[in-house]
Amino acid sequence: MDRIKRISNEVLKEYSERFGTDFLTNKQSLNEISVVRSKGLKNKIAGYITKMLQRQAKFEERKQMIIDNEKKSQEHKESTTKKSKPAAEPAAEPEHIATNEKTVAEEIVDESKSE
């Protein structure tokens, strides 16, 4: 692991609440936390932290969108099965849908672990 990534990860572990997705704010926070004499090194560290947090925010946004889409499709399937099938028949399909949601959620968790 190169120096920029290592330092950025160490800083984020200690002071993750101080950083966000804005480069200038991250650079200023880095100045408050540490003494980095090299302007280039400081910019690279702040840039890497910004890039990591933007990726994480984008991933969370996509994850939420997938979950919302799965809920909508489940509601749609439930409403269509209620309309097309008599009420006396047991609903076996929603259990299958719940199983699909677990697999999608598990895939999302697996994706986040791999990053």
PDB file of N, CA and C in Angstrom:
ATOM      1  N   MET A   1       0.861  -1.182   0.000  1.00  0.00           N
ATOM      2  CA  MET A   1       0.000   0.000   0.000  1.00  0.00           C
ATOM      3  C   MET A   1       0.897   1.231   0.000  1.00  0.00           C
ATOM      4  N   ASP A   2       0.612   2.153  -0.848  1.00  0.00           N
ATOM      5  CA  ASP A   2       1.505   3.290  -0.915  1.00  0.00           C
ATOM      6  C   ASP A   2       1.247   4.298   0.206  1.00  0.00           C
ATOM      7  N   ARG A   3       2.106   5.238   0.320  1.00  0.00           N
ATOM      8  CA  ARG A   3       2.148   6.191   1.432  1.00  0.00           C
ATOM      9  C   ARG A   3       0.870   7.018   1.538  1.00  0.00           C
ATOM     10  N   ILE A   4       0.333   7.499   0.435  1.00  0.00           N
ATOM     11  CA  ILE A   4      -0.869   8.341   0.442  1.00  0.00           C
ATOM     12  C   ILE A   4      -2.051   7.563   1.010  1.00  0.00           C
ATOM     13  N   LYS A   5      -2.240   6.343   0.515  1.00  0.00           N
ATOM     14  CA  LYS A   5      -3.365   5.524   0.972  1.00  0.00           C
ATOM     15  C   LYS A   5      -3.231   5.183   2.451  1.00  0.00           C
ATOM     16  N   ARG A   6      -2.027   4.819   2.870  1.00  0.00           N
ATOM     17  CA  ARG A   6      -1.795   4.445   4.263  1.00  0.00           C
ATOM     18  C   ARG A   6      -2.082   5.617   5.199  1.00  0.00           C
ATOM     19  N   ILE A   7      -1.536   6.757   4.884  1.00  0.00           N
ATOM     20  CA  ILE A   7      -1.736   7.941   5.726  1.00  0.00           C
ATOM     21  C   ILE A   7      -3.213   8.341   5.737  1.00  0.00           C
ATOM     22  N   SER A   8      -3.846   8.319   4.568  1.00  0.00           N
ATOM     23  CA  SER A   8      -5.263   8.686   4.473  1.00  0.00           C
ATOM     24  C   SER A   8      -6.130   7.759   5.310  1.00  0.00           C
ATOM     25  N   ASN A   9      -5.863   6.465   5.237  1.00  0.00           N
ATOM     26  CA  ASN A   9      -6.635   5.507   6.032  1.00  0.00           C
ATOM     27  C   ASN A   9      -6.424   5.722   7.527  1.00  0.00           C
ATOM     28  N   GLU A  10      -5.199   5.990   7.931  1.00  0.00           N
ATOM     29  CA  GLU A  10      -4.925   6.240   9.346  1.00  0.00           C
ATOM     30  C   GLU A  10      -5.646   7.490   9.841  1.00  0.00           C
ATOM     31  N   VAL A  11      -5.611   8.540   9.044  1.00  0.00           N
ATOM     32  CA  VAL A  11      -6.285   9.790   9.419  1.00  0.00           C
ATOM     33  C   VAL A  11      -7.796   9.571   9.495  1.00  0.00           C
ATOM     34  N   LEU A  12      -8.342   8.848   8.533  1.00  0.00           N
ATOM     35  CA  LEU A  12      -9.783   8.598   8.529  1.00  0.00           C
ATOM     36  C   LEU A  12     -10.233   7.744   9.710  1.00  0.00           C
ATOM     37  N   LYS A  13      -9.398   6.789  10.113  1.00  0.00           N
ATOM     38  CA  LYS A  13      -9.753   5.964  11.271  1.00  0.00           C
ATOM     39  C   LYS A  13      -9.874   6.815  12.529  1.00  0.00           C
ATOM     40  N   GLU A  14      -8.975   7.752  12.679  1.00  0.00           N
ATOM     41  CA  GLU A  14      -8.950   8.593  13.883  1.00  0.00           C
ATOM     42  C   GLU A  14      -9.985   9.714  13.837  1.00  0.00           C
ATOM     43  N   TYR A  15     -10.118  10.373  12.692  1.00  0.00           N
ATOM     44  CA  TYR A  15     -10.905  11.610  12.607  1.00  0.00           C
ATOM     45  C   TYR A  15     -11.962  11.550  11.503  1.00  0.00           C
ATOM     46  N   SER A  16     -12.656  10.447  11.365  1.00  0.00           N
ATOM     47  CA  SER A  16     -13.609  10.303  10.256  1.00  0.00           C
ATOM     48  C   SER A  16     -14.750  11.315  10.315  1.00  0.00           C
ATOM     49  N   GLU A  17     -15.123  11.764  11.497  1.00  0.00           N
ATOM     50  CA  GLU A  17     -16.247  12.707  11.620  1.00  0.00           C
ATOM     51  C   GLU A  17     -15.904  14.109  11.100  1.00  0.00           C
ATOM     52  N   ARG A  18     -14.629  14.427  10.956  1.00  0.00           N
ATOM     53  CA  ARG A  18     -14.209  15.755  10.504  1.00  0.00           C
ATOM     54  C   ARG A  18     -14.178  15.901   8.987  1.00  0.00           C
ATOM     55  N   PHE A  19     -14.243  14.792   8.276  1.00  0.00           N
ATOM     56  CA  PHE A  19     -14.090  14.830   6.828  1.00  0.00           C
ATOM     57  C   PHE A  19     -15.413  14.600   6.121  1.00  0.00           C
ATOM     58  N   GLY A  20     -15.498  15.132   4.897  1.00  0.00           N
ATOM     59  CA  GLY A  20     -16.692  14.989   4.072  1.00  0.00           C
ATOM     60  C   GLY A  20     -16.323  14.820   2.620  1.00  0.00           C
ATOM     61  N   THR A  21     -17.237  15.181   1.740  1.00  0.00           N
ATOM     62  CA  THR A  21     -16.997  14.986   0.313  1.00  0.00           C
ATOM     63  C   THR A  21     -16.488  16.249  -0.381  1.00  0.00           C
ATOM     64  N   ASP A  22     -16.147  17.286   0.371  1.00  0.00           N
ATOM     65  CA  ASP A  22     -15.632  18.522  -0.194  1.00  0.00           C
ATOM     66  C   ASP A  22     -14.120  18.603   0.009  1.00  0.00           C
ATOM     67  N   PHE A  23     -13.375  18.771  -1.077  1.00  0.00           N
ATOM     68  CA  PHE A  23     -11.915  18.764  -1.024  1.00  0.00           C
ATOM     69  C   PHE A  23     -11.365  19.894  -0.150  1.00  0.00           C
ATOM     70  N   LEU A  24     -11.857  21.108  -0.328  1.00  0.00           N
ATOM     71  CA  LEU A  24     -11.311  22.244   0.426  1.00  0.00           C
ATOM     72  C   LEU A  24     -11.531  22.095   1.933  1.00  0.00           C
ATOM     73  N   THR A  25     -12.698  21.595   2.308  1.00  0.00           N
ATOM     74  CA  THR A  25     -12.979  21.355   3.729  1.00  0.00           C
ATOM     75  C   THR A  25     -12.056  20.274   4.275  1.00  0.00           C
ATOM     76  N   ASN A  26     -11.841  19.233   3.487  1.00  0.00           N
ATOM     77  CA  ASN A  26     -10.960  18.148   3.916  1.00  0.00           C
ATOM     78  C   ASN A  26      -9.514  18.636   4.064  1.00  0.00           C
ATOM     79  N   LYS A  27      -9.095  19.494   3.149  1.00  0.00           N
ATOM     80  CA  LYS A  27      -7.737  20.040   3.216  1.00  0.00           C
ATOM     81  C   LYS A  27      -7.568  20.890   4.477  1.00  0.00           C
ATOM     82  N   GLN A  28      -8.577  21.674   4.791  1.00  0.00           N
ATOM     83  CA  GLN A  28      -8.524  22.512   5.982  1.00  0.00           C
ATOM     84  C   GLN A  28      -8.547  21.645   7.255  1.00  0.00           C
ATOM     85  N   SER A  29      -9.357  20.610   7.257  1.00  0.00           N
ATOM     86  CA  SER A  29      -9.401  19.689   8.401  1.00  0.00           C
ATOM     87  C   SER A  29      -8.057  18.997   8.587  1.00  0.00           C
ATOM     88  N   LEU A  30      -7.435  18.633   7.491  1.00  0.00           N
ATOM     89  CA  LEU A  30      -6.119  17.993   7.542  1.00  0.00           C
ATOM     90  C   LEU A  30      -5.085  18.942   8.137  1.00  0.00           C
ATOM     91  N   ASN A  31      -5.170  20.223   7.804  1.00  0.00           N
ATOM     92  CA  ASN A  31      -4.269  21.230   8.391  1.00  0.00           C
ATOM     93  C   ASN A  31      -4.452  21.329   9.904  1.00  0.00           C
ATOM     94  N   GLU A  32      -5.700  21.235  10.374  1.00  0.00           N
ATOM     95  CA  GLU A  32      -5.981  21.325  11.804  1.00  0.00           C
ATOM     96  C   GLU A  32      -5.499  20.083  12.556  1.00  0.00           C
ATOM     97  N   ILE A  33      -5.581  18.949  11.910  1.00  0.00           N
ATOM     98  CA  ILE A  33      -5.243  17.682  12.561  1.00  0.00           C
ATOM     99  C   ILE A  33      -3.744  17.430  12.594  1.00  0.00           C
ATOM    100  N   SER A  34      -3.063  17.701  11.492  1.00  0.00           N
ATOM    101  CA  SER A  34      -1.658  17.324  11.383  1.00  0.00           C
ATOM    102  C   SER A  34      -0.828  18.445  10.781  1.00  0.00           C
ATOM    103  N   VAL A  35       0.470  18.225  10.801  1.00  0.00           N
ATOM    104  CA  VAL A  35       1.396  19.160  10.181  1.00  0.00           C
ATOM    105  C   VAL A  35       2.010  18.455   8.979  1.00  0.00           C
ATOM    106  N   VAL A  36       1.555  18.857   7.793  1.00  0.00           N
ATOM    107  CA  VAL A  36       2.106  18.315   6.557  1.00  0.00           C
ATOM    108  C   VAL A  36       2.768  19.495   5.849  1.00  0.00           C
ATOM    109  N   ARG A  37       4.077  19.458   5.778  1.00  0.00           N
ATOM    110  CA  ARG A  37       4.822  20.595   5.223  1.00  0.00           C
ATOM    111  C   ARG A  37       4.723  20.674   3.707  1.00  0.00           C
ATOM    112  N   SER A  38       4.640  19.541   3.081  1.00  0.00           N
ATOM    113  CA  SER A  38       4.596  19.511   1.621  1.00  0.00           C
ATOM    114  C   SER A  38       3.176  19.789   1.133  1.00  0.00           C
ATOM    115  N   LYS A  39       3.040  20.830   0.347  1.00  0.00           N
ATOM    116  CA  LYS A  39       1.732  21.213  -0.187  1.00  0.00           C
ATOM    117  C   LYS A  39       1.179  20.098  -1.083  1.00  0.00           C
ATOM    118  N   GLY A  40       2.039  19.516  -1.900  1.00  0.00           N
ATOM    119  CA  GLY A  40       1.621  18.438  -2.797  1.00  0.00           C
ATOM    120  C   GLY A  40       1.131  17.217  -2.044  1.00  0.00           C
ATOM    121  N   LEU A  41       1.859  16.844  -0.996  1.00  0.00           N
ATOM    122  CA  LEU A  41       1.468  15.686  -0.201  1.00  0.00           C
ATOM    123  C   LEU A  41       0.133  15.945   0.494  1.00  0.00           C
ATOM    124  N   LYS A  42      -0.022  17.138   1.029  1.00  0.00           N
ATOM    125  CA  LYS A  42      -1.267  17.507   1.709  1.00  0.00           C
ATOM    126  C   LYS A  42      -2.452  17.420   0.739  1.00  0.00           C
ATOM    127  N   ASN A  43      -2.255  17.944  -0.475  1.00  0.00           N
ATOM    128  CA  ASN A  43      -3.321  17.910  -1.477  1.00  0.00           C
ATOM    129  C   ASN A  43      -3.658  16.481  -1.887  1.00  0.00           C
ATOM    130  N   LYS A  44      -2.641  15.650  -2.027  1.00  0.00           N
ATOM    131  CA  LYS A  44      -2.886  14.259  -2.409  1.00  0.00           C
ATOM    132  C   LYS A  44      -3.644  13.507  -1.326  1.00  0.00           C
ATOM    133  N   ILE A  45      -3.275  13.722  -0.069  1.00  0.00           N
ATOM    134  CA  ILE A  45      -3.962  13.052   1.041  1.00  0.00           C
ATOM    135  C   ILE A  45      -5.411  13.530   1.119  1.00  0.00           C
ATOM    136  N   ALA A  46      -5.615  14.842   1.074  1.00  0.00           N
ATOM    137  CA  ALA A  46      -6.975  15.386   1.130  1.00  0.00           C
ATOM    138  C   ALA A  46      -7.794  14.913  -0.073  1.00  0.00           C
ATOM    139  N   GLY A  47      -7.167  14.843  -1.231  1.00  0.00           N
ATOM    140  CA  GLY A  47      -7.855  14.372  -2.430  1.00  0.00           C
ATOM    141  C   GLY A  47      -8.249  12.913  -2.331  1.00  0.00           C
ATOM    142  N   TYR A  48      -7.353  12.101  -1.802  1.00  0.00           N
ATOM    143  CA  TYR A  48      -7.655  10.680  -1.654  1.00  0.00           C
ATOM    144  C   TYR A  48      -8.786  10.469  -0.656  1.00  0.00           C
ATOM    145  N   ILE A  49      -8.759  11.210   0.450  1.00  0.00           N
ATOM    146  CA  ILE A  49      -9.830  11.113   1.454  1.00  0.00           C
ATOM    147  C   ILE A  49     -11.160  11.520   0.819  1.00  0.00           C
ATOM    148  N   THR A  50     -11.150  12.598   0.056  1.00  0.00           N
ATOM    149  CA  THR A  50     -12.367  13.069  -0.615  1.00  0.00           C
ATOM    150  C   THR A  50     -12.890  12.016  -1.578  1.00  0.00           C
ATOM    151  N   LYS A  51     -11.988  11.443  -2.362  1.00  0.00           N
ATOM    152  CA  LYS A  51     -12.364  10.429  -3.339  1.00  0.00           C
ATOM    153  C   LYS A  51     -12.976   9.201  -2.653  1.00  0.00           C
ATOM    154  N   MET A  52     -12.386   8.777  -1.552  1.00  0.00           N
ATOM    155  CA  MET A  52     -12.905   7.619  -0.823  1.00  0.00           C
ATOM    156  C   MET A  52     -14.306   7.894  -0.275  1.00  0.00           C
ATOM    157  N   LEU A  53     -14.488   9.059   0.315  1.00  0.00           N
ATOM    158  CA  LEU A  53     -15.783   9.389   0.902  1.00  0.00           C
ATOM    159  C   LEU A  53     -16.853   9.604  -0.166  1.00  0.00           C
ATOM    160  N   GLN A  54     -16.479  10.132  -1.325  1.00  0.00           N
ATOM    161  CA  GLN A  54     -17.435  10.277  -2.423  1.00  0.00           C
ATOM    162  C   GLN A  54     -17.868   8.914  -2.942  1.00  0.00           C
ATOM    163  N   ARG A  55     -16.912   7.999  -3.063  1.00  0.00           N
ATOM    164  CA  ARG A  55     -17.243   6.635  -3.495  1.00  0.00           C
ATOM    165  C   ARG A  55     -18.186   5.967  -2.512  1.00  0.00           C
ATOM    166  N   GLN A  56     -17.894   6.145  -1.232  1.00  0.00           N
ATOM    167  CA  GLN A  56     -18.727   5.547  -0.193  1.00  0.00           C
ATOM    168  C   GLN A  56     -20.145   6.127  -0.241  1.00  0.00           C
ATOM    169  N   ALA A  57     -20.270   7.435  -0.418  1.00  0.00           N
ATOM    170  CA  ALA A  57     -21.587   8.071  -0.501  1.00  0.00           C
ATOM    171  C   ALA A  57     -22.344   7.579  -1.731  1.00  0.00           C
ATOM    172  N   LYS A  58     -21.650   7.431  -2.841  1.00  0.00           N
ATOM    173  CA  LYS A  58     -22.269   6.951  -4.075  1.00  0.00           C
ATOM    174  C   LYS A  58     -22.741   5.505  -3.902  1.00  0.00           C
ATOM    175  N   PHE A  59     -21.941   4.700  -3.234  1.00  0.00           N
ATOM    176  CA  PHE A  59     -22.304   3.306  -2.973  1.00  0.00           C
ATOM    177  C   PHE A  59     -23.540   3.236  -2.093  1.00  0.00           C
ATOM    178  N   GLU A  60     -23.589   4.044  -1.037  1.00  0.00           N
ATOM    179  CA  GLU A  60     -24.743   4.059  -0.140  1.00  0.00           C
ATOM    180  C   GLU A  60     -26.002   4.493  -0.885  1.00  0.00           C
ATOM    181  N   GLU A  61     -25.852   5.459  -1.778  1.00  0.00           N
ATOM    182  CA  GLU A  61     -26.981   5.949  -2.575  1.00  0.00           C
ATOM    183  C   GLU A  61     -27.505   4.842  -3.486  1.00  0.00           C
ATOM    184  N   ARG A  62     -26.592   4.139  -4.143  1.00  0.00           N
ATOM    185  CA  ARG A  62     -26.991   3.034  -5.025  1.00  0.00           C
ATOM    186  C   ARG A  62     -27.645   1.907  -4.241  1.00  0.00           C
ATOM    187  N   LYS A  63     -27.089   1.615  -3.070  1.00  0.00           N
ATOM    188  CA  LYS A  63     -27.644   0.560  -2.221  1.00  0.00           C
ATOM    189  C   LYS A  63     -29.077   0.896  -1.821  1.00  0.00           C
ATOM    190  N   GLN A  64     -29.318   2.140  -1.428  1.00  0.00           N
ATOM    191  CA  GLN A  64     -30.655   2.569  -1.040  1.00  0.00           C
ATOM    192  C   GLN A  64     -31.619   2.517  -2.218  1.00  0.00           C
ATOM    193  N   MET A  65     -31.133   2.877  -3.401  1.00  0.00           N
ATOM    194  CA  MET A  65     -31.963   2.839  -4.597  1.00  0.00           C
ATOM    195  C   MET A  65     -32.375   1.404  -4.921  1.00  0.00           C
ATOM    196  N   ILE A  66     -31.447   0.457  -4.783  1.00  0.00           N
ATOM    197  CA  ILE A  66     -31.751  -0.950  -5.032  1.00  0.00           C
ATOM    198  C   ILE A  66     -32.786  -1.450  -4.037  1.00  0.00           C
ATOM    199  N   ILE A  67     -32.626  -1.089  -2.777  1.00  0.00           N
ATOM    200  CA  ILE A  67     -33.575  -1.514  -1.746  1.00  0.00           C
ATOM    201  C   ILE A  67     -34.957  -0.938  -2.037  1.00  0.00           C
ATOM    202  N   ASP A  68     -35.027   0.336  -2.407  1.00  0.00           N
ATOM    203  CA  ASP A  68     -36.305   0.970  -2.732  1.00  0.00           C
ATOM    204  C   ASP A  68     -36.965   0.296  -3.928  1.00  0.00           C
ATOM    205  N   ASN A  69     -36.178  -0.013  -4.957  1.00  0.00           N
ATOM    206  CA  ASN A  69     -36.717  -0.692  -6.139  1.00  0.00           C
ATOM    207  C   ASN A  69     -37.245  -2.077  -5.795  1.00  0.00           C
ATOM    208  N   GLU A  70     -36.535  -2.792  -4.928  1.00  0.00           N
ATOM    209  CA  GLU A  70     -36.986  -4.116  -4.510  1.00  0.00           C
ATOM    210  C   GLU A  70     -38.297  -4.025  -3.743  1.00  0.00           C
ATOM    211  N   LYS A  71     -38.435  -3.022  -2.881  1.00  0.00           N
ATOM    212  CA  LYS A  71     -39.681  -2.835  -2.132  1.00  0.00           C
ATOM    213  C   LYS A  71     -40.831  -2.532  -3.076  1.00  0.00           C
ATOM    214  N   LYS A  72     -40.587  -1.659  -4.056  1.00  0.00           N
ATOM    215  CA  LYS A  72     -41.627  -1.310  -5.021  1.00  0.00           C
ATOM    216  C   LYS A  72     -42.057  -2.530  -5.819  1.00  0.00           C
ATOM    217  N   SER A  73     -41.093  -3.332  -6.281  1.00  0.00           N
ATOM    218  CA  SER A  73     -41.436  -4.517  -7.067  1.00  0.00           C
ATOM    219  C   SER A  73     -42.172  -5.538  -6.215  1.00  0.00           C
ATOM    220  N   GLN A  74     -41.795  -5.645  -4.943  1.00  0.00           N
ATOM    221  CA  GLN A  74     -42.490  -6.569  -4.045  1.00  0.00           C
ATOM    222  C   GLN A  74     -43.929  -6.112  -3.834  1.00  0.00           C
ATOM    223  N   GLU A  75     -44.131  -4.823  -3.613  1.00  0.00           N
ATOM    224  CA  GLU A  75     -45.485  -4.293  -3.431  1.00  0.00           C
ATOM    225  C   GLU A  75     -46.307  -4.491  -4.703  1.00  0.00           C
ATOM    226  N   HIS A  76     -45.690  -4.275  -5.839  1.00  0.00           N
ATOM    227  CA  HIS A  76     -46.379  -4.450  -7.114  1.00  0.00           C
ATOM    228  C   HIS A  76     -46.783  -5.911  -7.309  1.00  0.00           C
ATOM    229  N   LYS A  77     -45.879  -6.824  -7.032  1.00  0.00           N
ATOM    230  CA  LYS A  77     -46.184  -8.253  -7.187  1.00  0.00           C
ATOM    231  C   LYS A  77     -47.261  -8.692  -6.214  1.00  0.00           C
ATOM    232  N   GLU A  78     -47.202  -8.193  -4.980  1.00  0.00           N
ATOM    233  CA  GLU A  78     -48.225  -8.536  -3.997  1.00  0.00           C
ATOM    234  C   GLU A  78     -49.588  -8.020  -4.419  1.00  0.00           C
ATOM    235  N   SER A  79     -49.637  -6.811  -4.939  1.00  0.00           N
ATOM    236  CA  SER A  79     -50.921  -6.247  -5.363  1.00  0.00           C
ATOM    237  C   SER A  79     -51.482  -7.000  -6.566  1.00  0.00           C
ATOM    238  N   THR A  80     -50.624  -7.423  -7.490  1.00  0.00           N
ATOM    239  CA  THR A  80     -51.110  -8.163  -8.659  1.00  0.00           C
ATOM    240  C   THR A  80     -51.537  -9.574  -8.268  1.00  0.00           C
ATOM    241  N   THR A  81     -50.859 -10.205  -7.320  1.00  0.00           N
ATOM    242  CA  THR A  81     -51.255 -11.554  -6.896  1.00  0.00           C
ATOM    243  C   THR A  81     -52.561 -11.510  -6.113  1.00  0.00           C
ATOM    244  N   LYS A  82     -52.798 -10.462  -5.353  1.00  0.00           N
ATOM    245  CA  LYS A  82     -54.054 -10.332  -4.610  1.00  0.00           C
ATOM    246  C   LYS A  82     -55.221 -10.135  -5.565  1.00  0.00           C
ATOM    247  N   LYS A  83     -55.009  -9.400  -6.650  1.00  0.00           N
ATOM    248  CA  LYS A  83     -56.060  -9.151  -7.626  1.00  0.00           C
ATOM    249  C   LYS A  83     -56.366 -10.391  -8.457  1.00  0.00           C
ATOM    250  N   SER A  84     -55.354 -11.141  -8.821  1.00  0.00           N
ATOM    251  CA  SER A  84     -55.540 -12.267  -9.735  1.00  0.00           C
ATOM    252  C   SER A  84     -55.908 -13.573  -9.041  1.00  0.00           C
ATOM    253  N   LYS A  85     -55.532 -13.763  -7.770  1.00  0.00           N
ATOM    254  CA  LYS A  85     -55.799 -15.016  -7.065  1.00  0.00           C
ATOM    255  C   LYS A  85     -56.933 -14.822  -6.058  1.00  0.00           C
ATOM    256  N   PRO A  86     -57.708 -15.892  -5.832  1.00  0.00           N
ATOM    257  CA  PRO A  86     -58.745 -15.821  -4.802  1.00  0.00           C
ATOM    258  C   PRO A  86     -58.113 -15.695  -3.413  1.00  0.00           C
ATOM    259  N   ALA A  87     -58.859 -15.157  -2.464  1.00  0.00           N
ATOM    260  CA  ALA A  87     -58.337 -14.912  -1.120  1.00  0.00           C
ATOM    261  C   ALA A  87     -58.136 -16.203  -0.335  1.00  0.00           C
ATOM    262  N   ALA A  88     -58.846 -17.291  -0.696  1.00  0.00           N
ATOM    263  CA  ALA A  88     -58.743 -18.549   0.043  1.00  0.00           C
ATOM    264  C   ALA A  88     -57.419 -19.255  -0.197  1.00  0.00           C
ATOM    265  N   GLU A  89     -56.768 -18.961  -1.281  1.00  0.00           N
ATOM    266  CA  GLU A  89     -55.504 -19.603  -1.628  1.00  0.00           C
ATOM    267  C   GLU A  89     -54.362 -18.995  -0.817  1.00  0.00           C
ATOM    268  N   PRO A  90     -53.472 -19.835  -0.223  1.00  0.00           N
ATOM    269  CA  PRO A  90     -52.347 -19.272   0.547  1.00  0.00           C
ATOM    270  C   PRO A  90     -51.349 -18.590  -0.383  1.00  0.00           C
ATOM    271  N   ALA A  91     -50.796 -17.505   0.086  1.00  0.00           N
ATOM    272  CA  ALA A  91     -49.835 -16.745  -0.716  1.00  0.00           C
ATOM    273  C   ALA A  91     -48.430 -17.273  -0.486  1.00  0.00           C
ATOM    274  N   ALA A  92     -47.929 -18.050  -1.442  1.00  0.00           N
ATOM    275  CA  ALA A  92     -46.587 -18.613  -1.323  1.00  0.00           C
ATOM    276  C   ALA A  92     -45.551 -17.711  -1.981  1.00  0.00           C
ATOM    277  N   GLU A  93     -45.985 -16.836  -2.848  1.00  0.00           N
ATOM    278  CA  GLU A  93     -45.065 -16.004  -3.601  1.00  0.00           C
ATOM    279  C   GLU A  93     -44.332 -14.944  -2.771  1.00  0.00           C
ATOM    280  N   PRO A  94     -44.995 -14.275  -1.802  1.00  0.00           N
ATOM    281  CA  PRO A  94     -44.262 -13.271  -1.019  1.00  0.00           C
ATOM    282  C   PRO A  94     -43.047 -13.834  -0.283  1.00  0.00           C
ATOM    283  N   GLU A  95     -43.105 -15.105   0.127  1.00  0.00           N
ATOM    284  CA  GLU A  95     -41.930 -15.701   0.766  1.00  0.00           C
ATOM    285  C   GLU A  95     -40.774 -15.773  -0.223  1.00  0.00           C
ATOM    286  N   HIS A  96     -41.081 -16.108  -1.451  1.00  0.00           N
ATOM    287  CA  HIS A  96     -40.056 -16.157  -2.499  1.00  0.00           C
ATOM    288  C   HIS A  96     -39.452 -14.775  -2.739  1.00  0.00           C
ATOM    289  N   ILE A  97     -40.290 -13.776  -2.717  1.00  0.00           N
ATOM    290  CA  ILE A  97     -39.819 -12.406  -2.904  1.00  0.00           C
ATOM    291  C   ILE A  97     -38.902 -12.004  -1.764  1.00  0.00           C
ATOM    292  N   ALA A  98     -39.276 -12.356  -0.537  1.00  0.00           N
ATOM    293  CA  ALA A  98     -38.429 -12.037   0.618  1.00  0.00           C
ATOM    294  C   ALA A  98     -37.073 -12.716   0.480  1.00  0.00           C
ATOM    295  N   THR A  99     -37.055 -13.937  -0.050  1.00  0.00           N
ATOM    296  CA  THR A  99     -35.799 -14.633  -0.264  1.00  0.00           C
ATOM    297  C   THR A  99     -34.944 -13.876  -1.271  1.00  0.00           C
ATOM    298  N   ASN A 100     -35.573 -13.356  -2.329  1.00  0.00           N
ATOM    299  CA  ASN A 100     -34.835 -12.571  -3.324  1.00  0.00           C
ATOM    300  C   ASN A 100     -34.265 -11.310  -2.709  1.00  0.00           C
ATOM    301  N   GLU A 101     -35.021 -10.670  -1.814  1.00  0.00           N
ATOM    302  CA  GLU A 101     -34.517  -9.467  -1.172  1.00  0.00           C
ATOM    303  C   GLU A 101     -33.286  -9.780  -0.334  1.00  0.00           C
ATOM    304  N   LYS A 102     -33.300 -10.899   0.345  1.00  0.00           N
ATOM    305  CA  LYS A 102     -32.128 -11.273   1.137  1.00  0.00           C
ATOM    306  C   LYS A 102     -30.910 -11.439   0.240  1.00  0.00           C
ATOM    307  N   THR A 103     -31.098 -12.080  -0.882  1.00  0.00           N
ATOM    308  CA  THR A 103     -29.935 -12.291  -1.748  1.00  0.00           C
ATOM    309  C   THR A 103     -29.408 -10.975  -2.293  1.00  0.00           C
ATOM    310  N   VAL A 104     -30.303 -10.046  -2.618  1.00  0.00           N
ATOM    311  CA  VAL A 104     -29.858  -8.736  -3.095  1.00  0.00           C
ATOM    312  C   VAL A 104     -29.129  -8.013  -1.974  1.00  0.00           C
ATOM    313  N   ALA A 105     -29.695  -8.056  -0.759  1.00  0.00           N
ATOM    314  CA  ALA A 105     -29.049  -7.411   0.379  1.00  0.00           C
ATOM    315  C   ALA A 105     -27.697  -8.063   0.675  1.00  0.00           C
ATOM    316  N   GLU A 106     -27.640  -9.374   0.584  1.00  0.00           N
ATOM    317  CA  GLU A 106     -26.374 -10.069   0.822  1.00  0.00           C
ATOM    318  C   GLU A 106     -25.333  -9.682  -0.222  1.00  0.00           C
ATOM    319  N   GLU A 107     -25.769  -9.513  -1.485  1.00  0.00           N
ATOM    320  CA  GLU A 107     -24.846  -9.081  -2.533  1.00  0.00           C
ATOM    321  C   GLU A 107     -24.297  -7.700  -2.234  1.00  0.00           C
ATOM    322  N   ILE A 108     -25.136  -6.825  -1.734  1.00  0.00           N
ATOM    323  CA  ILE A 108     -24.705  -5.473  -1.408  1.00  0.00           C
ATOM    324  C   ILE A 108     -23.679  -5.507  -0.287  1.00  0.00           C
ATOM    325  N   VAL A 109     -23.939  -6.318   0.730  1.00  0.00           N
ATOM    326  CA  VAL A 109     -23.000  -6.443   1.835  1.00  0.00           C
ATOM    327  C   VAL A 109     -21.687  -7.033   1.360  1.00  0.00           C
ATOM    328  N   ASP A 110     -21.763  -8.037   0.494  1.00  0.00           N
ATOM    329  CA  ASP A 110     -20.555  -8.634  -0.057  1.00  0.00           C
ATOM    330  C   ASP A 110     -19.768  -7.628  -0.874  1.00  0.00           C
ATOM    331  N   GLU A 111     -20.465  -6.786  -1.636  1.00  0.00           N
ATOM    332  CA  GLU A 111     -19.803  -5.740  -2.426  1.00  0.00           C
ATOM    333  C   GLU A 111     -19.060  -4.769  -1.541  1.00  0.00           C
ATOM    334  N   SER A 112     -19.701  -4.373  -0.443  1.00  0.00           N
ATOM    335  CA  SER A 112     -19.067  -3.394   0.439  1.00  0.00           C
ATOM    336  C   SER A 112     -17.860  -3.992   1.155  1.00  0.00           C
ATOM    337  N   LYS A 113     -17.898  -5.281   1.449  1.00  0.00           N
ATOM    338  CA  LYS A 113     -16.746  -5.927   2.090  1.00  0.00           C
ATOM    339  C   LYS A 113     -15.557  -6.016   1.141  1.00  0.00           C
ATOM    340  N   SER A 114     -15.851  -6.198  -0.149  1.00  0.00           N
ATOM    341  CA  SER A 114     -14.770  -6.340  -1.122  1.00  0.00           C
ATOM    342  C   SER A 114     -14.055  -5.010  -1.362  1.00  0.00           C
ATOM    343  N   GLU A 115     -14.725  -3.882  -1.116  1.00  0.00           N
ATOM    344  CA  GLU A 115     -14.083  -2.578  -1.318  1.00  0.00           C
ATOM    345  C   GLU A 115     -13.262  -2.297  -0.126  1.00  0.00           C
TER     346      GLU A 115
END
